[in-house]
Amino acid sequence: MELGDMGILQSELWKELTADSREGSRAILRLEKKGLIARKKELHEGRWTYRVFAKRRYSTIDSIVDIPCAFCDLVGNCPQSWIMNPSKCEHLTKWLQSHASSVSAVTESAE
């Protein structure tokens, strides 16, 4: 059930989990109160329903594969105290800033 930024319709989620709508709705409301999911009202096949989005995402190797330190030509010249320190490394700072802005854009679109 890898749906990423698309989310999933509540009705599809109930089918996937083999839960009835009453039981599923209660669970969804608890998750929403805890801030783990967001819901967005949507008209689907002539009926109003909600699309559910996870607010938290698990990290994957794809999220760090382009970290500059892994392939940096300057890594041999970095003093020991500079390793993985964005306050001293311009390349790492830029990578973190671009990564943070893309993560916040995804979070805002789910809300």
PDB file of N, CA and C in Angstrom:
ATOM      1  N   MET A   1       0.841  -1.167   0.000  1.00  0.00           N
ATOM      2  CA  MET A   1       0.000   0.000   0.000  1.00  0.00           C
ATOM      3  C   MET A   1       0.897   1.244   0.000  1.00  0.00           C
ATOM      4  N   GLU A   2       1.697   1.413  -1.024  1.00  0.00           N
ATOM      5  CA  GLU A   2       2.612   2.544  -1.176  1.00  0.00           C
ATOM      6  C   GLU A   2       1.950   3.618  -2.030  1.00  0.00           C
ATOM      7  N   LEU A   3       1.314   4.591  -1.391  1.00  0.00           N
ATOM      8  CA  LEU A   3       0.555   5.587  -2.133  1.00  0.00           C
ATOM      9  C   LEU A   3       1.189   6.968  -2.112  1.00  0.00           C
ATOM     10  N   GLY A   4       2.177   7.169  -1.231  1.00  0.00           N
ATOM     11  CA  GLY A   4       2.922   8.419  -1.223  1.00  0.00           C
ATOM     12  C   GLY A   4       2.060   9.649  -1.071  1.00  0.00           C
ATOM     13  N   ASP A   5       2.299  10.629  -1.936  1.00  0.00           N
ATOM     14  CA  ASP A   5       1.625  11.919  -1.837  1.00  0.00           C
ATOM     15  C   ASP A   5       0.168  11.875  -2.290  1.00  0.00           C
ATOM     16  N   MET A   6      -0.243  10.804  -2.962  1.00  0.00           N
ATOM     17  CA  MET A   6      -1.621  10.704  -3.460  1.00  0.00           C
ATOM     18  C   MET A   6      -2.624  10.455  -2.345  1.00  0.00           C
ATOM     19  N   GLY A   7      -2.199   9.860  -1.254  1.00  0.00           N
ATOM     20  CA  GLY A   7      -3.121   9.497  -0.196  1.00  0.00           C
ATOM     21  C   GLY A   7      -4.003   8.335  -0.643  1.00  0.00           C
ATOM     22  N   ILE A   8      -5.024   8.057   0.149  1.00  0.00           N
ATOM     23  CA  ILE A   8      -5.951   6.969  -0.180  1.00  0.00           C
ATOM     24  C   ILE A   8      -7.350   7.380   0.256  1.00  0.00           C
ATOM     25  N   LEU A   9      -8.340   7.027  -0.518  1.00  0.00           N
ATOM     26  CA  LEU A   9      -9.728   7.290  -0.138  1.00  0.00           C
ATOM     27  C   LEU A   9     -10.079   6.423   1.064  1.00  0.00           C
ATOM     28  N   GLN A  10     -10.862   6.998   1.990  1.00  0.00           N
ATOM     29  CA  GLN A  10     -11.258   6.226   3.173  1.00  0.00           C
ATOM     30  C   GLN A  10     -11.928   4.918   2.783  1.00  0.00           C
ATOM     31  N   SER A  11     -12.807   4.956   1.805  1.00  0.00           N
ATOM     32  CA  SER A  11     -13.525   3.744   1.402  1.00  0.00           C
ATOM     33  C   SER A  11     -12.567   2.673   0.879  1.00  0.00           C
ATOM     34  N   GLU A  12     -11.517   3.092   0.158  1.00  0.00           N
ATOM     35  CA  GLU A  12     -10.517   2.132  -0.322  1.00  0.00           C
ATOM     36  C   GLU A  12      -9.706   1.568   0.841  1.00  0.00           C
ATOM     37  N   LEU A  13      -9.446   2.424   1.827  1.00  0.00           N
ATOM     38  CA  LEU A  13      -8.700   1.986   3.005  1.00  0.00           C
ATOM     39  C   LEU A  13      -9.482   0.931   3.774  1.00  0.00           C
ATOM     40  N   TRP A  14     -10.813   1.140   3.911  1.00  0.00           N
ATOM     41  CA  TRP A  14     -11.631   0.145   4.624  1.00  0.00           C
ATOM     42  C   TRP A  14     -11.547  -1.202   3.918  1.00  0.00           C
ATOM     43  N   LYS A  15     -11.643  -1.189   2.585  1.00  0.00           N
ATOM     44  CA  LYS A  15     -11.568  -2.445   1.822  1.00  0.00           C
ATOM     45  C   LYS A  15     -10.218  -3.121   2.006  1.00  0.00           C
ATOM     46  N   GLU A  16      -9.166  -2.325   1.954  1.00  0.00           N
ATOM     47  CA  GLU A  16      -7.803  -2.852   2.099  1.00  0.00           C
ATOM     48  C   GLU A  16      -7.605  -3.496   3.470  1.00  0.00           C
ATOM     49  N   LEU A  17      -8.203  -2.891   4.501  1.00  0.00           N
ATOM     50  CA  LEU A  17      -8.043  -3.373   5.875  1.00  0.00           C
ATOM     51  C   LEU A  17      -9.140  -4.344   6.299  1.00  0.00           C
ATOM     52  N   THR A  18     -10.083  -4.600   5.420  1.00  0.00           N
ATOM     53  CA  THR A  18     -11.273  -5.413   5.714  1.00  0.00           C
ATOM     54  C   THR A  18     -11.956  -4.946   7.011  1.00  0.00           C
ATOM     55  N   ALA A  19     -12.198  -3.636   7.071  1.00  0.00           N
ATOM     56  CA  ALA A  19     -12.882  -3.030   8.217  1.00  0.00           C
ATOM     57  C   ALA A  19     -14.180  -2.410   7.725  1.00  0.00           C
ATOM     58  N   ASP A  20     -15.167  -2.336   8.620  1.00  0.00           N
ATOM     59  CA  ASP A  20     -16.399  -1.644   8.218  1.00  0.00           C
ATOM     60  C   ASP A  20     -16.204  -0.143   8.415  1.00  0.00           C
ATOM     61  N   SER A  21     -17.085   0.661   7.818  1.00  0.00           N
ATOM     62  CA  SER A  21     -16.895   2.111   7.823  1.00  0.00           C
ATOM     63  C   SER A  21     -16.999   2.700   9.234  1.00  0.00           C
ATOM     64  N   ARG A  22     -17.823   2.132  10.068  1.00  0.00           N
ATOM     65  CA  ARG A  22     -17.963   2.632  11.436  1.00  0.00           C
ATOM     66  C   ARG A  22     -16.659   2.446  12.211  1.00  0.00           C
ATOM     67  N   GLU A  23     -16.132   1.250  12.152  1.00  0.00           N
ATOM     68  CA  GLU A  23     -14.878   0.941  12.838  1.00  0.00           C
ATOM     69  C   GLU A  23     -13.726   1.775  12.259  1.00  0.00           C
ATOM     70  N   GLY A  24     -13.680   1.870  10.944  1.00  0.00           N
ATOM     71  CA  GLY A  24     -12.629   2.632  10.267  1.00  0.00           C
ATOM     72  C   GLY A  24     -12.694   4.115  10.570  1.00  0.00           C
ATOM     73  N   SER A  25     -13.897   4.669  10.581  1.00  0.00           N
ATOM     74  CA  SER A  25     -14.062   6.094  10.860  1.00  0.00           C
ATOM     75  C   SER A  25     -13.568   6.451  12.250  1.00  0.00           C
ATOM     76  N   ARG A  26     -13.859   5.613  13.215  1.00  0.00           N
ATOM     77  CA  ARG A  26     -13.384   5.858  14.586  1.00  0.00           C
ATOM     78  C   ARG A  26     -11.860   5.846  14.643  1.00  0.00           C
ATOM     79  N   ALA A  27     -11.252   4.880  13.960  1.00  0.00           N
ATOM     80  CA  ALA A  27      -9.790   4.793  13.944  1.00  0.00           C
ATOM     81  C   ALA A  27      -9.177   6.014  13.268  1.00  0.00           C
ATOM     82  N   ILE A  28      -9.770   6.439  12.154  1.00  0.00           N
ATOM     83  CA  ILE A  28      -9.267   7.602  11.419  1.00  0.00           C
ATOM     84  C   ILE A  28      -9.353   8.864  12.276  1.00  0.00           C
ATOM     85  N   LEU A  29     -10.449   9.043  12.983  1.00  0.00           N
ATOM     86  CA  LEU A  29     -10.601  10.214  13.841  1.00  0.00           C
ATOM     87  C   LEU A  29      -9.560  10.228  14.959  1.00  0.00           C
ATOM     88  N   ARG A  30      -9.263   9.055  15.530  1.00  0.00           N
ATOM     89  CA  ARG A  30      -8.224   8.981  16.569  1.00  0.00           C
ATOM     90  C   ARG A  30      -6.859   9.348  15.988  1.00  0.00           C
ATOM     91  N   LEU A  31      -6.547   8.838  14.797  1.00  0.00           N
ATOM     92  CA  LEU A  31      -5.262   9.144  14.161  1.00  0.00           C
ATOM     93  C   LEU A  31      -5.163  10.626  13.803  1.00  0.00           C
ATOM     94  N   GLU A  32      -6.277  11.203  13.379  1.00  0.00           N
ATOM     95  CA  GLU A  32      -6.293  12.619  13.028  1.00  0.00           C
ATOM     96  C   GLU A  32      -6.078  13.486  14.277  1.00  0.00           C
ATOM     97  N   LYS A  33      -6.719  13.123  15.397  1.00  0.00           N
ATOM     98  CA  LYS A  33      -6.541  13.866  16.647  1.00  0.00           C
ATOM     99  C   LYS A  33      -5.095  13.811  17.132  1.00  0.00           C
ATOM    100  N   LYS A  34      -4.423  12.704  16.882  1.00  0.00           N
ATOM    101  CA  LYS A  34      -3.024  12.558  17.296  1.00  0.00           C
ATOM    102  C   LYS A  34      -2.065  13.256  16.329  1.00  0.00           C
ATOM    103  N   GLY A  35      -2.597  13.769  15.225  1.00  0.00           N
ATOM    104  CA  GLY A  35      -1.756  14.480  14.266  1.00  0.00           C
ATOM    105  C   GLY A  35      -0.958  13.581  13.339  1.00  0.00           C
ATOM    106  N   LEU A  36      -1.361  12.318  13.229  1.00  0.00           N
ATOM    107  CA  LEU A  36      -0.623  11.375  12.390  1.00  0.00           C
ATOM    108  C   LEU A  36      -1.089  11.375  10.941  1.00  0.00           C
ATOM    109  N   ILE A  37      -2.340  11.818  10.728  1.00  0.00           N
ATOM    110  CA  ILE A  37      -2.887  11.863   9.367  1.00  0.00           C
ATOM    111  C   ILE A  37      -3.607  13.184   9.143  1.00  0.00           C
ATOM    112  N   ALA A  38      -3.852  13.469   7.884  1.00  0.00           N
ATOM    113  CA  ALA A  38      -4.688  14.613   7.497  1.00  0.00           C
ATOM    114  C   ALA A  38      -5.749  14.076   6.549  1.00  0.00           C
ATOM    115  N   ARG A  39      -6.935  14.694   6.578  1.00  0.00           N
ATOM    116  CA  ARG A  39      -8.003  14.283   5.671  1.00  0.00           C
ATOM    117  C   ARG A  39      -8.417  15.476   4.830  1.00  0.00           C
ATOM    118  N   LYS A  40      -8.774  15.181   3.587  1.00  0.00           N
ATOM    119  CA  LYS A  40      -9.245  16.222   2.673  1.00  0.00           C
ATOM    120  C   LYS A  40     -10.537  15.728   2.029  1.00  0.00           C
ATOM    121  N   LYS A  41     -11.604  16.539   2.123  1.00  0.00           N
ATOM    122  CA  LYS A  41     -12.899  16.157   1.562  1.00  0.00           C
ATOM    123  C   LYS A  41     -12.803  16.124   0.049  1.00  0.00           C
ATOM    124  N   GLU A  42     -13.422  15.099  -0.559  1.00  0.00           N
ATOM    125  CA  GLU A  42     -13.326  14.902  -2.010  1.00  0.00           C
ATOM    126  C   GLU A  42     -14.600  14.257  -2.536  1.00  0.00           C
ATOM    127  N   LEU A  43     -15.030  14.704  -3.714  1.00  0.00           N
ATOM    128  CA  LEU A  43     -16.168  14.092  -4.391  1.00  0.00           C
ATOM    129  C   LEU A  43     -15.641  12.962  -5.273  1.00  0.00           C
ATOM    130  N   HIS A  44     -16.069  11.737  -4.971  1.00  0.00           N
ATOM    131  CA  HIS A  44     -15.593  10.567  -5.704  1.00  0.00           C
ATOM    132  C   HIS A  44     -16.793   9.755  -6.186  1.00  0.00           C
ATOM    133  N   GLU A  45     -16.921   9.627  -7.486  1.00  0.00           N
ATOM    134  CA  GLU A  45     -18.021   8.869  -8.097  1.00  0.00           C
ATOM    135  C   GLU A  45     -19.380   9.328  -7.564  1.00  0.00           C
ATOM    136  N   GLY A  46     -19.540  10.665  -7.465  1.00  0.00           N
ATOM    137  CA  GLY A  46     -20.823  11.229  -7.051  1.00  0.00           C
ATOM    138  C   GLY A  46     -21.098  11.215  -5.560  1.00  0.00           C
ATOM    139  N   ARG A  47     -20.134  10.766  -4.756  1.00  0.00           N
ATOM    140  CA  ARG A  47     -20.324  10.715  -3.302  1.00  0.00           C
ATOM    141  C   ARG A  47     -19.184  11.435  -2.610  1.00  0.00           C
ATOM    142  N   TRP A  48     -19.510  12.130  -1.523  1.00  0.00           N
ATOM    143  CA  TRP A  48     -18.472  12.795  -0.746  1.00  0.00           C
ATOM    144  C   TRP A  48     -17.770  11.794   0.147  1.00  0.00           C
ATOM    145  N   THR A  49     -16.471  11.871   0.166  1.00  0.00           N
ATOM    146  CA  THR A  49     -15.651  11.014   1.014  1.00  0.00           C
ATOM    147  C   THR A  49     -14.420  11.815   1.405  1.00  0.00           C
ATOM    148  N   TYR A  50     -13.510  11.192   2.080  1.00  0.00           N
ATOM    149  CA  TYR A  50     -12.268  11.851   2.469  1.00  0.00           C
ATOM    150  C   TYR A  50     -11.089  11.086   1.897  1.00  0.00           C
ATOM    151  N   ARG A  51     -10.068  11.840   1.505  1.00  0.00           N
ATOM    152  CA  ARG A  51      -8.791  11.254   1.119  1.00  0.00           C
ATOM    153  C   ARG A  51      -7.873  11.410   2.326  1.00  0.00           C
ATOM    154  N   VAL A  52      -7.216  10.339   2.705  1.00  0.00           N
ATOM    155  CA  VAL A  52      -6.386  10.297   3.898  1.00  0.00           C
ATOM    156  C   VAL A  52      -4.919  10.365   3.493  1.00  0.00           C
ATOM    157  N   PHE A  53      -4.172  11.237   4.173  1.00  0.00           N
ATOM    158  CA  PHE A  53      -2.746  11.409   3.917  1.00  0.00           C
ATOM    159  C   PHE A  53      -1.964  11.184   5.205  1.00  0.00           C
ATOM    160  N   ALA A  54      -0.874  10.468   5.140  1.00  0.00           N
ATOM    161  CA  ALA A  54       0.005  10.310   6.295  1.00  0.00           C
ATOM    162  C   ALA A  54       0.801  11.598   6.468  1.00  0.00           C
ATOM    163  N   LYS A  55       0.920  12.068   7.697  1.00  0.00           N
ATOM    164  CA  LYS A  55       1.709  13.274   7.956  1.00  0.00           C
ATOM    165  C   LYS A  55       3.177  12.934   8.172  1.00  0.00           C
ATOM    166  N   ARG A  56       3.448  11.739   8.616  1.00  0.00           N
ATOM    167  CA  ARG A  56       4.829  11.312   8.840  1.00  0.00           C
ATOM    168  C   ARG A  56       5.219  10.315   7.765  1.00  0.00           C
ATOM    169  N   ARG A  57       6.441  10.423   7.353  1.00  0.00           N
ATOM    170  CA  ARG A  57       6.946   9.533   6.309  1.00  0.00           C
ATOM    171  C   ARG A  57       8.197   8.830   6.818  1.00  0.00           C
ATOM    172  N   TYR A  58       8.343   7.593   6.410  1.00  0.00           N
ATOM    173  CA  TYR A  58       9.550   6.865   6.754  1.00  0.00           C
ATOM    174  C   TYR A  58      10.650   7.222   5.776  1.00  0.00           C
ATOM    175  N   SER A  59      11.866   7.290   6.278  1.00  0.00           N
ATOM    176  CA  SER A  59      13.007   7.607   5.428  1.00  0.00           C
ATOM    177  C   SER A  59      13.358   6.415   4.553  1.00  0.00           C
ATOM    178  N   THR A  60      13.880   6.723   3.387  1.00  0.00           N
ATOM    179  CA  THR A  60      14.374   5.693   2.481  1.00  0.00           C
ATOM    180  C   THR A  60      15.781   6.071   2.073  1.00  0.00           C
ATOM    181  N   ILE A  61      16.472   5.172   1.429  1.00  0.00           N
ATOM    182  CA  ILE A  61      17.822   5.454   0.949  1.00  0.00           C
ATOM    183  C   ILE A  61      17.791   6.598  -0.061  1.00  0.00           C
ATOM    184  N   ASP A  62      16.688   6.726  -0.777  1.00  0.00           N
ATOM    185  CA  ASP A  62      16.559   7.811  -1.756  1.00  0.00           C
ATOM    186  C   ASP A  62      16.664   9.186  -1.098  1.00  0.00           C
ATOM    187  N   SER A  63      16.310   9.279   0.182  1.00  0.00           N
ATOM    188  CA  SER A  63      16.331  10.578   0.849  1.00  0.00           C
ATOM    189  C   SER A  63      17.743  11.048   1.177  1.00  0.00           C
ATOM    190  N   ILE A  64      18.717  10.145   1.168  1.00  0.00           N
ATOM    191  CA  ILE A  64      20.088  10.555   1.490  1.00  0.00           C
ATOM    192  C   ILE A  64      21.094  10.208   0.400  1.00  0.00           C
ATOM    193  N   VAL A  65      20.653   9.604  -0.682  1.00  0.00           N
ATOM    194  CA  VAL A  65      21.588   9.155  -1.710  1.00  0.00           C
ATOM    195  C   VAL A  65      22.372  10.306  -2.330  1.00  0.00           C
ATOM    196  N   ASP A  66      21.788  11.493  -2.352  1.00  0.00           N
ATOM    197  CA  ASP A  66      22.487  12.627  -2.963  1.00  0.00           C
ATOM    198  C   ASP A  66      23.153  13.548  -1.946  1.00  0.00           C
ATOM    199  N   ILE A  67      23.349  13.071  -0.706  1.00  0.00           N
ATOM    200  CA  ILE A  67      24.027  13.890   0.297  1.00  0.00           C
ATOM    201  C   ILE A  67      25.443  14.207  -0.202  1.00  0.00           C
ATOM    202  N   PRO A  68      25.854  15.460  -0.147  1.00  0.00           N
ATOM    203  CA  PRO A  68      27.121  15.852  -0.759  1.00  0.00           C
ATOM    204  C   PRO A  68      28.353  15.199  -0.132  1.00  0.00           C
ATOM    205  N   CYS A  69      28.311  14.853   1.133  1.00  0.00           N
ATOM    206  CA  CYS A  69      29.491  14.299   1.806  1.00  0.00           C
ATOM    207  C   CYS A  69      29.928  12.961   1.211  1.00  0.00           C
ATOM    208  N   ALA A  70      28.978  12.193   0.692  1.00  0.00           N
ATOM    209  CA  ALA A  70      29.297  10.867   0.173  1.00  0.00           C
ATOM    210  C   ALA A  70      30.239  10.918  -1.029  1.00  0.00           C
ATOM    211  N   PHE A  71      30.139  11.948  -1.839  1.00  0.00           N
ATOM    212  CA  PHE A  71      30.944  12.037  -3.056  1.00  0.00           C
ATOM    213  C   PHE A  71      31.707  13.358  -3.146  1.00  0.00           C
ATOM    214  N   CYS A  72      31.976  13.992  -2.017  1.00  0.00           N
ATOM    215  CA  CYS A  72      32.617  15.298  -1.998  1.00  0.00           C
ATOM    216  C   CYS A  72      34.108  15.183  -2.317  1.00  0.00           C
ATOM    217  N   ASP A  73      34.562  16.009  -3.258  1.00  0.00           N
ATOM    218  CA  ASP A  73      35.982  16.048  -3.603  1.00  0.00           C
ATOM    219  C   ASP A  73      36.813  16.686  -2.494  1.00  0.00           C
ATOM    220  N   LEU A  74      36.158  17.440  -1.616  1.00  0.00           N
ATOM    221  CA  LEU A  74      36.864  18.171  -0.563  1.00  0.00           C
ATOM    222  C   LEU A  74      36.927  17.415   0.763  1.00  0.00           C
ATOM    223  N   VAL A  75      36.331  16.240   0.834  1.00  0.00           N
ATOM    224  CA  VAL A  75      36.223  15.537   2.116  1.00  0.00           C
ATOM    225  C   VAL A  75      37.592  15.267   2.743  1.00  0.00           C
ATOM    226  N   GLY A  76      38.607  15.032   1.953  1.00  0.00           N
ATOM    227  CA  GLY A  76      39.951  14.815   2.500  1.00  0.00           C
ATOM    228  C   GLY A  76      40.560  16.068   3.088  1.00  0.00           C
ATOM    229  N   ASN A  77      40.073  17.229   2.670  1.00  0.00           N
ATOM    230  CA  ASN A  77      40.592  18.506   3.172  1.00  0.00           C
ATOM    231  C   ASN A  77      39.820  19.032   4.373  1.00  0.00           C
ATOM    232  N   CYS A  78      38.705  18.414   4.699  1.00  0.00           N
ATOM    233  CA  CYS A  78      37.887  18.871   5.825  1.00  0.00           C
ATOM    234  C   CYS A  78      38.569  18.516   7.142  1.00  0.00           C
ATOM    235  N   PRO A  79      38.689  19.495   8.047  1.00  0.00           N
ATOM    236  CA  PRO A  79      39.177  19.162   9.391  1.00  0.00           C
ATOM    237  C   PRO A  79      38.177  18.214  10.072  1.00  0.00           C
ATOM    238  N   GLN A  80      38.627  17.442  11.024  1.00  0.00           N
ATOM    239  CA  GLN A  80      37.782  16.467  11.717  1.00  0.00           C
ATOM    240  C   GLN A  80      36.520  17.116  12.270  1.00  0.00           C
ATOM    241  N   SER A  81      36.628  18.341  12.777  1.00  0.00           N
ATOM    242  CA  SER A  81      35.465  19.000  13.374  1.00  0.00           C
ATOM    243  C   SER A  81      34.445  19.446  12.331  1.00  0.00           C
ATOM    244  N   TRP A  82      34.783  19.471  11.062  1.00  0.00           N
ATOM    245  CA  TRP A  82      33.869  19.918  10.010  1.00  0.00           C
ATOM    246  C   TRP A  82      32.977  18.801   9.491  1.00  0.00           C
ATOM    247  N   ILE A  83      33.329  17.577   9.725  1.00  0.00           N
ATOM    248  CA  ILE A  83      32.595  16.463   9.132  1.00  0.00           C
ATOM    249  C   ILE A  83      31.135  16.518   9.551  1.00  0.00           C
ATOM    250  N   MET A  84      30.265  16.524   8.549  1.00  0.00           N
ATOM    251  CA  MET A  84      28.815  16.544   8.746  1.00  0.00           C
ATOM    252  C   MET A  84      28.366  17.734   9.576  1.00  0.00           C
ATOM    253  N   ASN A  85      28.961  18.885   9.365  1.00  0.00           N
ATOM    254  CA  ASN A  85      28.613  20.072  10.120  1.00  0.00           C
ATOM    255  C   ASN A  85      28.192  21.174   9.153  1.00  0.00           C
ATOM    256  N   PRO A  86      26.894  21.428   9.031  1.00  0.00           N
ATOM    257  CA  PRO A  86      26.429  22.426   8.070  1.00  0.00           C
ATOM    258  C   PRO A  86      26.878  23.849   8.385  1.00  0.00           C
ATOM    259  N   SER A  87      27.277  24.122   9.612  1.00  0.00           N
ATOM    260  CA  SER A  87      27.741  25.477   9.929  1.00  0.00           C
ATOM    261  C   SER A  87      29.119  25.747   9.330  1.00  0.00           C
ATOM    262  N   LYS A  88      29.836  24.704   8.928  1.00  0.00           N
ATOM    263  CA  LYS A  88      31.172  24.866   8.354  1.00  0.00           C
ATOM    264  C   LYS A  88      31.236  24.492   6.873  1.00  0.00           C
ATOM    265  N   CYS A  89      30.231  23.763   6.373  1.00  0.00           N
ATOM    266  CA  CYS A  89      30.286  23.252   4.999  1.00  0.00           C
ATOM    267  C   CYS A  89      29.158  23.849   4.155  1.00  0.00           C
ATOM    268  N   GLU A  90      29.520  24.645   3.181  1.00  0.00           N
ATOM    269  CA  GLU A  90      28.547  25.292   2.299  1.00  0.00           C
ATOM    270  C   GLU A  90      27.743  24.269   1.495  1.00  0.00           C
ATOM    271  N   HIS A  91      28.403  23.184   1.044  1.00  0.00           N
ATOM    272  CA  HIS A  91      27.728  22.159   0.239  1.00  0.00           C
ATOM    273  C   HIS A  91      26.641  21.449   1.053  1.00  0.00           C
ATOM    274  N   LEU A  92      26.975  21.087   2.278  1.00  0.00           N
ATOM    275  CA  LEU A  92      25.997  20.415   3.143  1.00  0.00           C
ATOM    276  C   LEU A  92      24.860  21.358   3.521  1.00  0.00           C
ATOM    277  N   THR A  93      25.165  22.613   3.776  1.00  0.00           N
ATOM    278  CA  THR A  93      24.138  23.605   4.105  1.00  0.00           C
ATOM    279  C   THR A  93      23.124  23.737   2.965  1.00  0.00           C
ATOM    280  N   LYS A  94      23.616  23.863   1.738  1.00  0.00           N
ATOM    281  CA  LYS A  94      22.724  23.994   0.577  1.00  0.00           C
ATOM    282  C   LYS A  94      21.860  22.751   0.414  1.00  0.00           C
ATOM    283  N   TRP A  95      22.453  21.571   0.613  1.00  0.00           N
ATOM    284  CA  TRP A  95      21.705  20.319   0.474  1.00  0.00           C
ATOM    285  C   TRP A  95      20.600  20.251   1.526  1.00  0.00           C
ATOM    286  N   LEU A  96      20.931  20.584   2.774  1.00  0.00           N
ATOM    287  CA  LEU A  96      19.931  20.547   3.850  1.00  0.00           C
ATOM    288  C   LEU A  96      18.804  21.544   3.590  1.00  0.00           C
ATOM    289  N   GLN A  97      19.145  22.738   3.120  1.00  0.00           N
ATOM    290  CA  GLN A  97      18.122  23.747   2.850  1.00  0.00           C
ATOM    291  C   GLN A  97      17.188  23.293   1.728  1.00  0.00           C
ATOM    292  N   SER A  98      17.738  22.725   0.666  1.00  0.00           N
ATOM    293  CA  SER A  98      16.879  22.263  -0.433  1.00  0.00           C
ATOM    294  C   SER A  98      16.033  21.079   0.003  1.00  0.00           C
ATOM    295  N   HIS A  99      16.599  20.206   0.819  1.00  0.00           N
ATOM    296  CA  HIS A  99      15.862  19.044   1.315  1.00  0.00           C
ATOM    297  C   HIS A  99      14.737  19.478   2.247  1.00  0.00           C
ATOM    298  N   ALA A 100      15.013  20.431   3.123  1.00  0.00           N
ATOM    299  CA  ALA A 100      14.001  20.924   4.069  1.00  0.00           C
ATOM    300  C   ALA A 100      12.859  21.613   3.337  1.00  0.00           C
ATOM    301  N   SER A 101      13.162  22.379   2.295  1.00  0.00           N
ATOM    302  CA  SER A 101      12.089  23.071   1.572  1.00  0.00           C
ATOM    303  C   SER A 101      11.213  22.088   0.806  1.00  0.00           C
ATOM    304  N   SER A 102      11.786  21.005   0.272  1.00  0.00           N
ATOM    305  CA  SER A 102      10.965  20.024  -0.442  1.00  0.00           C
ATOM    306  C   SER A 102      10.097  19.225   0.522  1.00  0.00           C
ATOM    307  N   VAL A 103      10.602  18.942   1.721  1.00  0.00           N
ATOM    308  CA  VAL A 103       9.818  18.221   2.729  1.00  0.00           C
ATOM    309  C   VAL A 103       8.663  19.088   3.212  1.00  0.00           C
ATOM    310  N   SER A 104       8.899  20.386   3.448  1.00  0.00           N
ATOM    311  CA  SER A 104       7.812  21.245   3.920  1.00  0.00           C
ATOM    312  C   SER A 104       6.756  21.446   2.850  1.00  0.00           C
ATOM    313  N   ALA A 105       7.147  21.438   1.566  1.00  0.00           N
ATOM    314  CA  ALA A 105       6.175  21.566   0.480  1.00  0.00           C
ATOM    315  C   ALA A 105       5.249  20.360   0.441  1.00  0.00           C
ATOM    316  N   VAL A 106       5.789  19.170   0.654  1.00  0.00           N
ATOM    317  CA  VAL A 106       4.981  17.944   0.670  1.00  0.00           C
ATOM    318  C   VAL A 106       4.033  17.955   1.857  1.00  0.00           C
ATOM    319  N   THR A 107       4.529  18.369   3.013  1.00  0.00           N
ATOM    320  CA  THR A 107       3.701  18.424   4.220  1.00  0.00           C
ATOM    321  C   THR A 107       2.551  19.403   4.045  1.00  0.00           C
ATOM    322  N   GLU A 108       2.819  20.580   3.472  1.00  0.00           N
ATOM    323  CA  GLU A 108       1.776  21.584   3.284  1.00  0.00           C
ATOM    324  C   GLU A 108       0.721  21.119   2.294  1.00  0.00           C
ATOM    325  N   SER A 109       1.116  20.367   1.271  1.00  0.00           N
ATOM    326  CA  SER A 109       0.130  19.901   0.275  1.00  0.00           C
ATOM    327  C   SER A 109      -0.802  18.852   0.859  1.00  0.00           C
ATOM    328  N   ALA A 110      -0.350  18.138   1.896  1.00  0.00           N
ATOM    329  CA  ALA A 110      -1.194  17.127   2.523  1.00  0.00           C
ATOM    330  C   ALA A 110      -2.186  17.741   3.507  1.00  0.00           C
ATOM    331  N   GLU A 111      -1.946  18.986   3.931  1.00  0.00           N
ATOM    332  CA  GLU A 111      -2.826  19.620   4.929  1.00  0.00           C
ATOM    333  C   GLU A 111      -3.974  20.321   4.305  1.00  0.00           C
TER     334      GLU A 111
END
